[in-house]
């Protein structure tokens, strides 16, 4: 009888609907919700250590930010910008509607024709 591999501290099998992150030390995979990592935060993590590996390898480290001005949204600090191209970005984009334009793509913005 074949066994299904299990992951994370919860020891459940892989679930495509849940965000997971790999520990850079032990190479195990963890559900973000089980280890306190949100999917939106993952692109900013340089080295991730799971709760077990944190004890021997130290805390996870974040990537060094360049161009901080690009991340200044002028919004409340609790509202985080969404990473371009991420699943959250795509979901957010699909949920939006855009007003219909009065002119076609061929409209010339210089001449107005």
Protein backbone atom coordinates (compact mmCIF):
# COMPACT_ATOMS: atom_id res chain seq x y z
CA UNK A 1 0.00 0.00 0.00
CA UNK A 2 1.51 3.33 -1.10
CA UNK A 3 1.79 6.11 1.43
CA UNK A 4 1.24 9.77 0.62
CA UNK A 5 4.12 12.07 1.62
CA UNK A 6 3.30 14.52 4.38
CA UNK A 7 4.74 17.98 4.95
CA UNK A 8 4.78 20.83 7.43
CA UNK A 9 4.47 20.77 11.21
CA UNK A 10 0.84 19.72 10.72
CA UNK A 11 2.01 16.55 8.87
CA UNK A 12 -0.64 16.80 6.15
CA UNK A 13 -0.20 15.90 2.46
CA UNK A 14 0.40 18.57 -0.18
CA UNK A 15 -2.65 20.73 -0.95
CA UNK A 16 -2.45 22.84 -4.11
CA UNK A 17 -4.88 25.41 -2.65
CA UNK A 18 -2.60 26.35 0.26
CA UNK A 19 0.52 28.51 0.11
CA UNK A 20 3.70 26.69 1.14
CA UNK A 21 7.28 27.80 1.77
CA UNK A 22 10.49 25.74 1.75
CA UNK A 23 12.99 25.92 4.60
CA UNK A 24 16.44 26.79 3.25
CA UNK A 25 18.13 24.66 5.94
CA UNK A 26 16.21 21.35 6.13
CA UNK A 27 14.52 21.66 2.70
CA UNK A 28 11.13 20.67 4.18
CA UNK A 29 7.96 22.44 3.01
CA UNK A 30 5.57 24.26 5.35
CA UNK A 31 2.12 25.79 5.02
CA UNK A 32 2.48 29.53 5.45
CA UNK A 33 -0.51 29.57 7.79
CA UNK A 34 1.13 26.94 10.03
CA UNK A 35 4.43 28.84 10.38
CA UNK A 36 3.10 32.41 10.34
CA UNK A 37 4.25 33.45 6.84
CA UNK A 38 1.77 35.15 4.54
CA UNK A 39 2.05 34.59 0.78
CA UNK A 40 2.47 38.34 0.23
CA UNK A 41 5.54 38.36 2.51
CA UNK A 42 7.33 35.44 0.81
CA UNK A 43 8.95 37.43 -2.06
CA UNK A 44 10.68 39.62 0.54
CA UNK A 45 12.27 36.66 2.36
CA UNK A 46 15.87 36.00 1.38
CA UNK A 47 16.54 32.96 3.59
CA UNK A 48 13.68 31.15 5.32
CA UNK A 49 14.25 28.97 8.41
CA UNK A 50 11.38 26.91 9.74
CA UNK A 51 10.63 26.98 13.50
CA UNK A 52 12.83 23.89 14.04
CA UNK A 53 15.84 25.17 12.06
CA UNK A 54 15.55 28.64 13.61
CA UNK A 55 16.99 27.15 16.79
CA UNK A 56 20.26 26.12 15.11
CA UNK A 57 20.49 28.36 12.01
CA UNK A 58 18.99 31.60 13.34
CA UNK A 59 15.99 33.60 12.23
CA UNK A 60 14.91 34.01 8.62
CA UNK A 61 16.37 37.00 6.80
CA UNK A 62 14.71 39.49 4.49
CA UNK A 63 16.06 40.66 1.15
CA UNK A 64 17.74 44.03 1.16
CA UNK A 65 15.35 46.57 -0.28
CA UNK A 66 16.51 48.75 -3.09
CA UNK A 67 14.52 51.67 -4.40
CA UNK A 68 12.48 52.17 -1.24
CA UNK A 69 10.62 54.98 -2.99
CA UNK A 70 8.93 52.37 -5.21
CA UNK A 71 7.41 50.77 -2.13
CA UNK A 72 6.06 54.00 -0.66
CA UNK A 73 2.38 53.77 -1.49
CA UNK A 74 1.35 56.64 0.74
CA UNK A 75 -1.16 54.27 2.31
CA UNK A 76 -1.64 53.15 5.86
CA UNK A 77 1.31 50.99 7.01
CA UNK A 78 -1.10 48.10 7.62
CA UNK A 79 -1.96 47.99 3.90
CA UNK A 80 0.84 46.24 2.03
CA UNK A 81 1.35 46.54 -1.72
CA UNK A 82 0.74 43.35 -3.66
CA UNK A 83 3.66 41.76 -5.52
CA UNK A 84 3.27 42.12 -9.28
CA UNK A 85 2.40 38.78 -10.94
CA UNK A 86 1.73 36.92 -7.67
CA UNK A 87 -1.38 34.80 -7.19
CA UNK A 88 -2.82 37.55 -4.98
CA UNK A 89 -2.13 40.15 -7.71
CA UNK A 90 -3.82 38.02 -10.39
CA UNK A 91 -6.84 37.33 -8.16
CA UNK A 92 -7.15 41.04 -7.33
CA UNK A 93 -6.83 42.05 -10.99
CA UNK A 94 -9.46 39.54 -12.10
CA UNK A 95 -11.92 40.83 -9.50
CA UNK A 96 -11.77 44.40 -10.81
CA UNK A 97 -13.80 46.01 -13.54
CA UNK A 98 -12.55 48.83 -15.71
CA UNK A 99 -14.63 51.62 -17.25
CA UNK A 100 -15.24 51.34 -20.97
CA UNK A 101 -13.17 53.76 -23.03
CA UNK A 102 -14.86 56.08 -25.53
CA UNK A 103 -12.15 55.50 -28.12
CA UNK A 104 -10.31 52.49 -29.49
CA UNK A 105 -6.71 51.46 -29.09
CA UNK A 106 -5.86 53.24 -32.33
CA UNK A 107 -6.66 56.64 -30.78
CA UNK A 108 -3.79 59.10 -31.19
CA UNK A 109 -3.23 60.93 -27.92
CA UNK A 110 -1.08 63.58 -29.60
CA UNK A 111 -3.45 64.67 -32.36
CA UNK A 112 -6.67 63.52 -30.71
CA UNK A 113 -7.61 61.48 -33.79
